[in-house]
Amino acid sequence: MLLCRYLVEDNSDTYVLLDMEREAELVRVLSILKTLLGGYTLNTAQDEARIYREVSALVTNSRKFIRDYLVTTLMEGRTKADRTRYSAETASLEELDATFEYIDATLSHR
């Protein structure tokens, strides 16, 4: 809600008027949003499909290495009880990054 208000409020006003119906020009809102987010690109449906195919192929071709590395990494320093509850499905983003680095694959966070 605060972000939405920030996008439509006129920051040159000396006061803030609560107006739930307030609008702003799309160009202005996009400009502010772009400033807040920095550089970004939006993926098209074709981009999403291509990325999905590439990652799927990578994971399929490296399945054994990924599983071995994740199991070894995730089990390090864990108690026996934790090991029975912890599985590769609960890997963190950092652990997945390390896994892909291990198999010499680079993924962007896009």
N, C-alpha and C. Protein backbone atom coordinates (compact mmCIF):
# COMPACT_ATOMS: atom_id res chain seq x y z
N MET A 1 0.82 -1.18 0.00
CA MET A 1 0.00 0.00 0.00
C MET A 1 0.88 1.26 0.00
N LEU A 2 1.92 1.25 0.83
CA LEU A 2 2.79 2.43 0.89
C LEU A 2 3.52 2.64 -0.44
N LEU A 3 3.94 1.55 -1.06
CA LEU A 3 4.61 1.68 -2.35
C LEU A 3 3.66 2.27 -3.38
N CYS A 4 2.43 1.81 -3.40
CA CYS A 4 1.44 2.35 -4.34
C CYS A 4 1.23 3.85 -4.11
N ARG A 5 1.14 4.24 -2.87
CA ARG A 5 0.96 5.66 -2.58
C ARG A 5 2.18 6.44 -3.01
N TYR A 6 3.37 5.89 -2.77
CA TYR A 6 4.61 6.56 -3.17
C TYR A 6 4.64 6.77 -4.68
N LEU A 7 4.13 5.81 -5.42
CA LEU A 7 4.15 5.90 -6.87
C LEU A 7 3.19 6.96 -7.41
N VAL A 8 2.08 7.21 -6.71
CA VAL A 8 1.09 8.14 -7.25
C VAL A 8 1.08 9.51 -6.55
N GLU A 9 1.65 9.59 -5.36
CA GLU A 9 1.65 10.87 -4.65
C GLU A 9 2.61 11.85 -5.32
N ASP A 10 2.29 13.09 -5.25
CA ASP A 10 3.18 14.14 -5.75
C ASP A 10 4.13 14.50 -4.62
N ASN A 11 5.40 14.16 -4.77
CA ASN A 11 6.34 14.39 -3.67
C ASN A 11 6.76 15.85 -3.53
N SER A 12 6.25 16.71 -4.39
CA SER A 12 6.56 18.13 -4.25
C SER A 12 5.55 18.83 -3.33
N ASP A 13 4.46 18.16 -3.00
CA ASP A 13 3.48 18.73 -2.07
C ASP A 13 4.07 18.78 -0.66
N THR A 14 3.65 19.79 0.11
CA THR A 14 4.14 19.91 1.48
C THR A 14 3.30 19.08 2.45
N TYR A 15 2.22 18.52 1.96
CA TYR A 15 1.35 17.69 2.81
C TYR A 15 0.94 16.46 2.01
N VAL A 16 0.43 15.46 2.72
CA VAL A 16 -0.04 14.24 2.07
C VAL A 16 -1.54 14.16 2.26
N LEU A 17 -2.23 14.03 1.17
CA LEU A 17 -3.68 13.92 1.19
C LEU A 17 -4.04 12.46 0.92
N LEU A 18 -4.71 11.82 1.86
CA LEU A 18 -5.11 10.44 1.67
C LEU A 18 -6.29 10.40 0.71
N ASP A 19 -6.03 9.91 -0.48
CA ASP A 19 -7.05 9.81 -1.51
C ASP A 19 -6.90 8.45 -2.16
N MET A 20 -7.76 7.51 -1.79
CA MET A 20 -7.67 6.15 -2.30
C MET A 20 -7.98 6.07 -3.79
N GLU A 21 -8.52 7.11 -4.36
CA GLU A 21 -8.85 7.12 -5.78
C GLU A 21 -7.81 7.89 -6.60
N ARG A 22 -6.76 8.34 -5.97
CA ARG A 22 -5.75 9.15 -6.65
C ARG A 22 -5.09 8.34 -7.77
N GLU A 23 -4.83 9.00 -8.86
CA GLU A 23 -4.20 8.36 -10.01
C GLU A 23 -2.99 9.18 -10.43
N ALA A 24 -2.14 8.55 -11.22
CA ALA A 24 -0.98 9.24 -11.78
C ALA A 24 -0.78 8.72 -13.19
N GLU A 25 -0.09 9.50 -14.00
CA GLU A 25 0.18 9.08 -15.36
C GLU A 25 1.08 7.85 -15.34
N LEU A 26 0.79 6.91 -16.22
CA LEU A 26 1.54 5.66 -16.28
C LEU A 26 3.03 5.91 -16.51
N VAL A 27 3.36 6.87 -17.35
CA VAL A 27 4.77 7.17 -17.64
C VAL A 27 5.49 7.58 -16.37
N ARG A 28 4.85 8.38 -15.56
CA ARG A 28 5.45 8.84 -14.30
C ARG A 28 5.63 7.67 -13.33
N VAL A 29 4.61 6.84 -13.19
CA VAL A 29 4.67 5.70 -12.28
C VAL A 29 5.78 4.74 -12.72
N LEU A 30 5.85 4.45 -14.01
CA LEU A 30 6.90 3.55 -14.51
C LEU A 30 8.29 4.14 -14.30
N SER A 31 8.41 5.44 -14.45
CA SER A 31 9.69 6.10 -14.24
C SER A 31 10.14 5.96 -12.79
N ILE A 32 9.24 6.19 -11.86
CA ILE A 32 9.56 6.07 -10.43
C ILE A 32 9.90 4.61 -10.10
N LEU A 33 9.10 3.69 -10.63
CA LEU A 33 9.33 2.27 -10.37
C LEU A 33 10.68 1.83 -10.93
N LYS A 34 11.02 2.31 -12.11
CA LYS A 34 12.31 1.96 -12.70
C LYS A 34 13.46 2.50 -11.85
N THR A 35 13.30 3.70 -11.32
CA THR A 35 14.31 4.28 -10.44
C THR A 35 14.47 3.44 -9.17
N LEU A 36 13.35 2.98 -8.62
CA LEU A 36 13.39 2.16 -7.40
C LEU A 36 14.03 0.80 -7.65
N LEU A 37 13.70 0.18 -8.77
CA LEU A 37 14.16 -1.18 -9.05
C LEU A 37 15.54 -1.23 -9.70
N GLY A 38 15.93 -0.15 -10.33
CA GLY A 38 17.20 -0.18 -11.07
C GLY A 38 16.99 -0.84 -12.41
N GLY A 39 18.08 -1.29 -13.01
CA GLY A 39 17.98 -1.93 -14.32
C GLY A 39 17.30 -3.28 -14.23
N TYR A 40 16.36 -3.52 -15.08
CA TYR A 40 15.68 -4.80 -15.12
C TYR A 40 15.16 -5.05 -16.53
N THR A 41 14.91 -6.29 -16.83
CA THR A 41 14.28 -6.63 -18.09
C THR A 41 13.16 -7.61 -17.80
N LEU A 42 12.14 -7.55 -18.59
CA LEU A 42 11.02 -8.46 -18.45
C LEU A 42 11.18 -9.59 -19.47
N ASN A 43 10.94 -10.79 -19.03
CA ASN A 43 11.05 -11.94 -19.93
C ASN A 43 9.74 -12.11 -20.68
N THR A 44 9.86 -12.45 -21.94
CA THR A 44 8.69 -12.79 -22.72
C THR A 44 8.34 -14.25 -22.45
N ALA A 45 7.21 -14.68 -22.91
CA ALA A 45 6.83 -16.09 -22.75
C ALA A 45 7.84 -17.00 -23.44
N GLN A 46 8.37 -16.54 -24.58
CA GLN A 46 9.37 -17.32 -25.28
C GLN A 46 10.66 -17.41 -24.47
N ASP A 47 11.06 -16.29 -23.83
CA ASP A 47 12.25 -16.31 -22.97
C ASP A 47 12.07 -17.31 -21.83
N GLU A 48 10.90 -17.26 -21.20
CA GLU A 48 10.62 -18.17 -20.08
C GLU A 48 10.71 -19.62 -20.53
N ALA A 49 10.14 -19.93 -21.70
CA ALA A 49 10.17 -21.30 -22.21
C ALA A 49 11.60 -21.73 -22.52
N ARG A 50 12.39 -20.84 -23.12
CA ARG A 50 13.78 -21.15 -23.45
C ARG A 50 14.59 -21.40 -22.18
N ILE A 51 14.45 -20.52 -21.20
CA ILE A 51 15.18 -20.67 -19.94
C ILE A 51 14.79 -21.99 -19.26
N TYR A 52 13.51 -22.30 -19.26
CA TYR A 52 13.03 -23.54 -18.65
C TYR A 52 13.66 -24.75 -19.34
N ARG A 53 13.70 -24.73 -20.68
CA ARG A 53 14.30 -25.85 -21.42
C ARG A 53 15.79 -25.98 -21.11
N GLU A 54 16.50 -24.85 -21.06
CA GLU A 54 17.94 -24.88 -20.79
C GLU A 54 18.25 -25.42 -19.40
N VAL A 55 17.52 -24.94 -18.40
CA VAL A 55 17.75 -25.39 -17.03
C VAL A 55 17.34 -26.86 -16.88
N SER A 56 16.24 -27.23 -17.51
CA SER A 56 15.79 -28.63 -17.45
C SER A 56 16.84 -29.57 -18.05
N ALA A 57 17.40 -29.18 -19.18
CA ALA A 57 18.43 -30.00 -19.83
C ALA A 57 19.66 -30.10 -18.93
N LEU A 58 20.06 -28.98 -18.34
CA LEU A 58 21.22 -28.96 -17.47
C LEU A 58 21.02 -29.87 -16.27
N VAL A 59 19.86 -29.76 -15.64
CA VAL A 59 19.58 -30.57 -14.45
C VAL A 59 19.47 -32.04 -14.82
N THR A 60 18.82 -32.34 -15.94
CA THR A 60 18.68 -33.74 -16.37
C THR A 60 20.04 -34.35 -16.66
N ASN A 61 20.88 -33.62 -17.36
CA ASN A 61 22.20 -34.14 -17.72
C ASN A 61 23.14 -34.27 -16.52
N SER A 62 22.89 -33.51 -15.48
CA SER A 62 23.80 -33.49 -14.31
C SER A 62 23.12 -34.03 -13.05
N ARG A 63 22.04 -34.74 -13.22
CA ARG A 63 21.22 -35.19 -12.07
C ARG A 63 22.04 -35.89 -10.99
N LYS A 64 22.87 -36.84 -11.38
CA LYS A 64 23.63 -37.60 -10.38
C LYS A 64 24.59 -36.69 -9.62
N PHE A 65 25.32 -35.83 -10.32
CA PHE A 65 26.26 -34.92 -9.66
C PHE A 65 25.53 -33.96 -8.72
N ILE A 66 24.40 -33.44 -9.17
CA ILE A 66 23.62 -32.51 -8.34
C ILE A 66 23.14 -33.20 -7.07
N ARG A 67 22.57 -34.38 -7.23
CA ARG A 67 22.05 -35.10 -6.06
C ARG A 67 23.18 -35.43 -5.08
N ASP A 68 24.29 -35.96 -5.59
CA ASP A 68 25.41 -36.32 -4.72
C ASP A 68 25.94 -35.10 -3.97
N TYR A 69 26.10 -33.99 -4.68
CA TYR A 69 26.64 -32.79 -4.05
C TYR A 69 25.67 -32.24 -3.01
N LEU A 70 24.39 -32.17 -3.36
CA LEU A 70 23.40 -31.64 -2.41
C LEU A 70 23.32 -32.51 -1.17
N VAL A 71 23.25 -33.81 -1.34
CA VAL A 71 23.15 -34.69 -0.18
C VAL A 71 24.38 -34.54 0.70
N THR A 72 25.56 -34.51 0.10
CA THR A 72 26.79 -34.36 0.88
C THR A 72 26.82 -33.01 1.59
N THR A 73 26.50 -31.94 0.85
CA THR A 73 26.55 -30.59 1.41
C THR A 73 25.49 -30.40 2.49
N LEU A 74 24.30 -30.86 2.22
CA LEU A 74 23.20 -30.63 3.17
C LEU A 74 23.36 -31.45 4.44
N MET A 75 24.06 -32.54 4.38
CA MET A 75 24.21 -33.39 5.55
C MET A 75 25.40 -33.00 6.42
N GLU A 76 26.32 -32.18 5.90
CA GLU A 76 27.48 -31.78 6.68
C GLU A 76 27.06 -31.03 7.94
N GLY A 77 27.59 -31.43 9.06
CA GLY A 77 27.35 -30.73 10.31
C GLY A 77 25.96 -30.92 10.89
N ARG A 78 25.18 -31.82 10.36
CA ARG A 78 23.84 -32.05 10.88
C ARG A 78 23.83 -33.30 11.77
N THR A 79 22.97 -33.27 12.76
CA THR A 79 22.85 -34.44 13.63
C THR A 79 22.11 -35.54 12.88
N LYS A 80 22.17 -36.74 13.42
CA LYS A 80 21.50 -37.87 12.78
C LYS A 80 20.00 -37.62 12.66
N ALA A 81 19.40 -37.02 13.68
CA ALA A 81 17.96 -36.73 13.63
C ALA A 81 17.64 -35.71 12.54
N ASP A 82 18.50 -34.68 12.41
CA ASP A 82 18.29 -33.68 11.36
C ASP A 82 18.40 -34.29 9.97
N ARG A 83 19.33 -35.22 9.83
CA ARG A 83 19.56 -35.83 8.51
C ARG A 83 18.33 -36.56 8.01
N THR A 84 17.56 -37.15 8.91
CA THR A 84 16.36 -37.87 8.46
C THR A 84 15.26 -36.92 8.04
N ARG A 85 15.25 -35.69 8.60
CA ARG A 85 14.21 -34.70 8.25
C ARG A 85 14.62 -33.82 7.08
N TYR A 86 15.90 -33.68 6.84
CA TYR A 86 16.42 -32.74 5.84
C TYR A 86 16.59 -33.45 4.51
N SER A 87 16.16 -32.84 3.44
CA SER A 87 16.30 -33.46 2.13
C SER A 87 16.67 -32.41 1.08
N ALA A 88 16.97 -32.84 -0.10
CA ALA A 88 17.35 -31.93 -1.18
C ALA A 88 16.23 -30.97 -1.56
N GLU A 89 15.00 -31.31 -1.24
CA GLU A 89 13.88 -30.42 -1.56
C GLU A 89 13.89 -29.14 -0.74
N THR A 90 14.68 -29.10 0.33
CA THR A 90 14.70 -27.93 1.20
C THR A 90 16.00 -27.14 1.08
N ALA A 91 16.70 -27.29 -0.02
CA ALA A 91 17.96 -26.58 -0.22
C ALA A 91 17.70 -25.08 -0.37
N SER A 92 18.60 -24.29 0.18
CA SER A 92 18.50 -22.83 0.05
C SER A 92 19.05 -22.39 -1.30
N LEU A 93 18.79 -21.15 -1.65
CA LEU A 93 19.31 -20.61 -2.90
C LEU A 93 20.83 -20.65 -2.92
N GLU A 94 21.46 -20.35 -1.79
CA GLU A 94 22.92 -20.39 -1.71
C GLU A 94 23.44 -21.80 -1.95
N GLU A 95 22.76 -22.79 -1.37
CA GLU A 95 23.18 -24.18 -1.56
C GLU A 95 23.01 -24.61 -3.03
N LEU A 96 21.94 -24.15 -3.66
CA LEU A 96 21.75 -24.47 -5.08
C LEU A 96 22.80 -23.78 -5.94
N ASP A 97 23.11 -22.52 -5.61
CA ASP A 97 24.18 -21.82 -6.34
C ASP A 97 25.49 -22.58 -6.24
N ALA A 98 25.83 -23.02 -5.03
CA ALA A 98 27.07 -23.77 -4.82
C ALA A 98 27.04 -25.08 -5.61
N THR A 99 25.88 -25.70 -5.68
CA THR A 99 25.75 -26.95 -6.42
C THR A 99 26.00 -26.72 -7.91
N PHE A 100 25.40 -25.68 -8.47
CA PHE A 100 25.61 -25.41 -9.89
C PHE A 100 27.04 -24.97 -10.17
N GLU A 101 27.65 -24.31 -9.20
CA GLU A 101 29.07 -23.96 -9.35
C GLU A 101 29.91 -25.24 -9.37
N TYR A 102 29.54 -26.20 -8.52
CA TYR A 102 30.24 -27.47 -8.45
C TYR A 102 30.20 -28.21 -9.79
N ILE A 103 29.05 -28.16 -10.47
CA ILE A 103 28.95 -28.85 -11.77
C ILE A 103 29.38 -27.93 -12.91
N ASP A 104 29.96 -26.78 -12.55
CA ASP A 104 30.50 -25.83 -13.52
C ASP A 104 29.41 -25.27 -14.44
N ALA A 105 28.29 -24.91 -13.83
CA ALA A 105 27.19 -24.29 -14.58
C ALA A 105 26.90 -22.94 -13.96
N THR A 106 26.72 -21.94 -14.77
CA THR A 106 26.44 -20.61 -14.28
C THR A 106 24.99 -20.27 -14.56
N LEU A 107 24.26 -19.90 -13.51
CA LEU A 107 22.88 -19.46 -13.66
C LEU A 107 22.77 -18.03 -13.17
N SER A 108 22.03 -17.21 -13.90
CA SER A 108 21.76 -15.88 -13.40
C SER A 108 20.50 -15.96 -12.54
N HIS A 109 20.27 -14.96 -11.71
CA HIS A 109 19.10 -14.96 -10.83
C HIS A 109 17.86 -14.42 -11.52
N ARG A 110 17.89 -14.29 -12.84
CA ARG A 110 16.74 -13.82 -13.58
C ARG A 110 15.68 -14.83 -13.58
